[in-house]
N, C-alpha and C. Protein backbone atom coordinates (compact mmCIF):
# COMPACT_ATOMS: atom_id res chain seq x y z
N MET A 1 105.97 117.96 113.58
CA MET A 1 106.40 119.08 113.16
C MET A 1 107.45 118.98 112.18
N ARG A 2 108.26 118.03 112.00
CA ARG A 2 109.26 117.82 110.99
C ARG A 2 109.08 116.47 110.22
N GLY A 3 107.84 116.04 110.53
CA GLY A 3 107.54 114.83 109.84
C GLY A 3 107.54 114.83 108.40
N SER A 4 107.35 113.65 107.58
CA SER A 4 107.50 113.77 106.11
C SER A 4 106.12 113.19 105.56
N GLN A 5 105.16 113.09 106.29
CA GLN A 5 104.05 112.39 105.99
C GLN A 5 102.84 113.15 106.65
N VAL A 6 101.61 112.87 105.93
CA VAL A 6 100.31 113.34 106.44
C VAL A 6 99.43 112.18 106.40
N SER A 7 98.49 112.07 107.46
CA SER A 7 97.54 110.94 107.67
C SER A 7 96.38 111.36 107.79
N PHE A 8 95.42 110.65 107.31
CA PHE A 8 93.94 111.02 107.40
C PHE A 8 93.05 109.86 107.84
N ALA A 9 92.32 109.95 108.74
CA ALA A 9 91.30 108.65 109.08
C ALA A 9 90.10 108.87 108.41
N PHE A 10 89.76 107.73 107.75
CA PHE A 10 88.31 107.74 106.91
C PHE A 10 87.86 106.25 107.06
N ALA A 11 86.82 105.89 107.28
CA ALA A 11 86.20 104.63 107.54
C ALA A 11 86.59 103.69 106.38
N ASP A 12 86.44 104.31 105.21
CA ASP A 12 86.73 103.62 103.83
C ASP A 12 87.92 103.95 103.33
N GLY A 13 88.93 104.09 104.33
CA GLY A 13 90.19 104.51 103.78
C GLY A 13 91.00 103.49 102.76
N TYR A 14 90.89 102.21 102.93
CA TYR A 14 91.33 101.37 102.12
C TYR A 14 91.03 101.68 100.65
N ALA A 15 89.67 101.61 100.33
CA ALA A 15 89.33 101.76 99.17
C ALA A 15 89.41 103.14 98.50
N VAL A 16 89.77 104.14 99.23
CA VAL A 16 90.07 105.47 98.91
C VAL A 16 91.66 105.25 98.18
N VAL A 17 92.40 104.81 99.19
CA VAL A 17 93.82 104.58 98.71
C VAL A 17 93.94 103.86 97.49
N GLN A 18 93.18 102.78 97.19
CA GLN A 18 93.28 102.04 96.13
C GLN A 18 92.68 102.88 94.74
N ALA A 19 91.78 103.59 95.01
CA ALA A 19 91.33 104.55 93.94
C ALA A 19 92.43 105.72 93.61
N LEU A 20 93.07 105.91 94.77
CA LEU A 20 94.02 106.93 94.47
C LEU A 20 95.32 106.36 93.62
N ILE A 21 95.56 105.15 94.15
CA ILE A 21 96.52 104.40 93.36
C ILE A 21 96.48 104.26 91.77
N ASP A 22 95.25 103.88 91.73
CA ASP A 22 94.69 103.83 90.20
C ASP A 22 94.70 105.03 89.46
N ARG A 23 94.83 105.92 90.19
CA ARG A 23 94.95 107.54 89.26
C ARG A 23 96.44 108.00 89.65
N GLY A 24 97.43 107.16 90.08
CA GLY A 24 98.79 107.72 89.95
C GLY A 24 99.30 108.40 91.20
N VAL A 25 98.32 108.40 92.39
CA VAL A 25 98.58 109.01 93.49
C VAL A 25 98.93 107.79 94.58
N ILE A 26 100.22 107.68 94.99
CA ILE A 26 100.69 106.59 95.72
C ILE A 26 100.53 106.89 97.20
N GLY A 27 99.60 106.12 97.70
CA GLY A 27 99.51 106.28 99.34
C GLY A 27 99.61 105.02 100.09
N ASP A 28 99.42 104.97 101.25
CA ASP A 28 99.77 103.81 102.12
C ASP A 28 98.48 103.62 102.99
N PHE A 29 97.95 102.41 103.26
CA PHE A 29 96.88 102.18 104.22
C PHE A 29 97.34 101.47 105.38
N ARG A 30 96.89 102.00 106.44
CA ARG A 30 97.26 101.27 107.86
C ARG A 30 95.91 100.91 108.67
N ALA A 31 95.54 99.89 108.82
CA ALA A 31 94.39 99.47 109.64
C ALA A 31 94.29 100.20 110.83
N PRO A 32 93.29 100.53 111.46
CA PRO A 32 92.04 100.24 110.80
C PRO A 32 91.49 101.12 109.70
N ASN A 33 91.78 102.39 109.65
CA ASN A 33 91.42 103.37 108.68
C ASN A 33 92.24 104.68 108.35
N ILE A 34 93.48 104.33 108.38
CA ILE A 34 94.43 105.36 108.15
C ILE A 34 94.94 105.31 106.93
N MET A 35 94.82 106.39 106.22
CA MET A 35 95.37 106.70 104.76
C MET A 35 96.76 107.68 104.99
N ARG A 36 97.90 107.13 104.45
CA ARG A 36 99.22 108.02 104.69
C ARG A 36 99.85 108.13 103.46
N PHE A 37 100.21 109.52 103.45
CA PHE A 37 100.95 109.99 102.32
C PHE A 37 102.25 110.68 102.65
N GLY A 38 103.30 110.28 101.97
CA GLY A 38 104.66 110.76 102.32
C GLY A 38 105.07 111.87 101.25
N PHE A 39 106.06 112.93 102.05
CA PHE A 39 106.37 113.78 101.20
C PHE A 39 107.77 114.02 101.04
N THR A 40 108.59 113.77 99.88
CA THR A 40 110.05 113.62 99.90
C THR A 40 110.26 114.96 98.92
N PRO A 41 110.63 116.03 99.47
CA PRO A 41 111.32 117.05 98.50
C PRO A 41 112.07 116.74 97.33
N LEU A 42 112.93 115.51 97.50
CA LEU A 42 113.90 115.22 96.52
C LEU A 42 113.11 114.74 95.15
N TYR A 43 111.93 114.24 95.42
CA TYR A 43 111.03 113.69 94.28
C TYR A 43 109.75 114.42 94.04
N LEU A 44 109.25 115.18 95.02
CA LEU A 44 107.96 115.82 94.92
C LEU A 44 108.18 117.33 94.96
N ASP A 45 107.40 118.15 94.06
CA ASP A 45 107.34 119.51 94.20
C ASP A 45 105.94 120.18 94.63
N GLN A 46 105.63 121.22 94.83
CA GLN A 46 104.47 121.82 95.14
C GLN A 46 103.37 121.52 94.19
N ALA A 47 103.77 121.44 92.80
CA ALA A 47 102.50 121.08 91.83
C ALA A 47 102.37 119.64 91.99
N ASP A 48 103.20 118.63 92.38
CA ASP A 48 102.77 117.32 92.58
C ASP A 48 101.76 117.23 93.68
N VAL A 49 102.06 118.00 94.75
CA VAL A 49 101.04 117.88 95.96
C VAL A 49 99.85 118.60 95.84
N VAL A 50 99.77 119.59 95.14
CA VAL A 50 98.47 120.25 94.61
C VAL A 50 97.51 119.22 93.73
N ARG A 51 98.30 118.68 92.77
CA ARG A 51 97.61 117.70 91.78
C ARG A 51 97.02 116.47 92.73
N ALA A 52 97.97 116.01 93.64
CA ALA A 52 97.37 114.85 94.45
C ALA A 52 96.33 115.21 95.32
N ALA A 53 96.21 116.51 95.90
CA ALA A 53 95.23 116.76 96.61
C ALA A 53 93.89 117.12 95.58
N GLU A 54 94.17 117.44 94.56
CA GLU A 54 92.74 117.74 93.61
C GLU A 54 92.37 116.26 93.39
N ILE A 55 93.21 115.31 93.15
CA ILE A 55 92.59 114.05 92.69
C ILE A 55 91.97 113.36 94.01
N LEU A 56 92.44 113.59 95.16
CA LEU A 56 91.95 113.19 96.44
C LEU A 56 90.45 113.85 96.48
N GLU A 57 90.44 114.96 96.42
CA GLU A 57 89.13 115.83 96.22
C GLU A 57 88.02 115.02 95.22
N ASP A 58 88.69 114.94 94.10
CA ASP A 58 87.56 114.26 93.05
C ASP A 58 87.20 112.84 93.48
N VAL A 59 88.17 112.04 94.09
CA VAL A 59 87.83 110.61 94.49
C VAL A 59 86.75 110.89 95.58
N MET A 60 86.94 111.79 96.52
CA MET A 60 86.01 111.94 97.64
C MET A 60 84.61 112.30 97.12
N LYS A 61 84.65 113.37 96.40
CA LYS A 61 83.47 114.01 96.00
C LYS A 61 82.53 113.14 95.00
N SER A 62 83.32 112.28 94.20
CA SER A 62 82.61 111.68 93.17
C SER A 62 82.24 110.25 93.62
N GLU A 63 82.74 109.89 94.89
CA GLU A 63 82.57 108.66 95.66
C GLU A 63 83.22 107.31 94.72
N SER A 64 84.08 107.75 93.85
CA SER A 64 84.53 106.55 92.96
C SER A 64 85.28 105.56 93.71
N TRP A 65 85.73 105.67 95.04
CA TRP A 65 86.27 104.78 95.81
C TRP A 65 85.18 103.53 96.03
N LYS A 66 83.97 103.95 95.76
CA LYS A 66 82.99 103.06 96.20
C LYS A 66 82.59 101.91 95.05
N ASP A 67 83.62 101.97 94.11
CA ASP A 67 83.62 101.05 92.95
C ASP A 67 84.08 99.60 93.63
N PRO A 68 83.20 98.61 93.24
CA PRO A 68 83.51 97.28 93.78
C PRO A 68 85.19 96.76 93.45
N LYS A 69 85.73 97.24 92.48
CA LYS A 69 87.08 96.77 92.31
C LYS A 69 88.07 97.51 93.39
N TYR A 70 87.55 98.43 94.07
CA TYR A 70 88.40 99.10 95.18
C TYR A 70 88.18 98.46 96.50
N GLN A 71 87.12 97.65 96.64
CA GLN A 71 86.70 97.07 97.87
C GLN A 71 87.46 95.91 98.32
N VAL A 72 88.05 95.16 97.33
CA VAL A 72 88.67 93.89 97.68
C VAL A 72 90.28 94.22 98.04
N ARG A 73 90.25 93.67 99.20
CA ARG A 73 91.36 93.90 100.08
C ARG A 73 92.68 92.76 99.72
N SER A 74 93.80 93.46 99.52
CA SER A 74 94.92 92.54 99.35
C SER A 74 95.91 92.55 100.57
N ARG A 75 96.74 91.82 100.58
CA ARG A 75 97.72 91.75 101.73
C ARG A 75 98.54 93.08 101.93
N VAL A 76 98.89 93.73 100.58
CA VAL A 76 99.56 94.82 100.86
C VAL A 76 98.75 95.84 99.85
N THR A 77 98.85 97.37 100.47
CA THR A 77 98.50 98.25 99.28
C THR A 77 99.30 98.97 98.53
């Protein structure tokens, strides 16, 4: 209720997070399939959150996360 993050489970979460990072939305991946996004009022406002959600929607609808460059796993996201 008072947390400062939201998490989503998605089978290809790693690739989605990489596609988002490529577009300027910084998320975090936790195995096996969790995408995490932090909310810090000091740095983010409502417009930032809305824009991030729009970018997430585009990445998911366009399936841009399927690009092979987002499939390569590094040790840190």
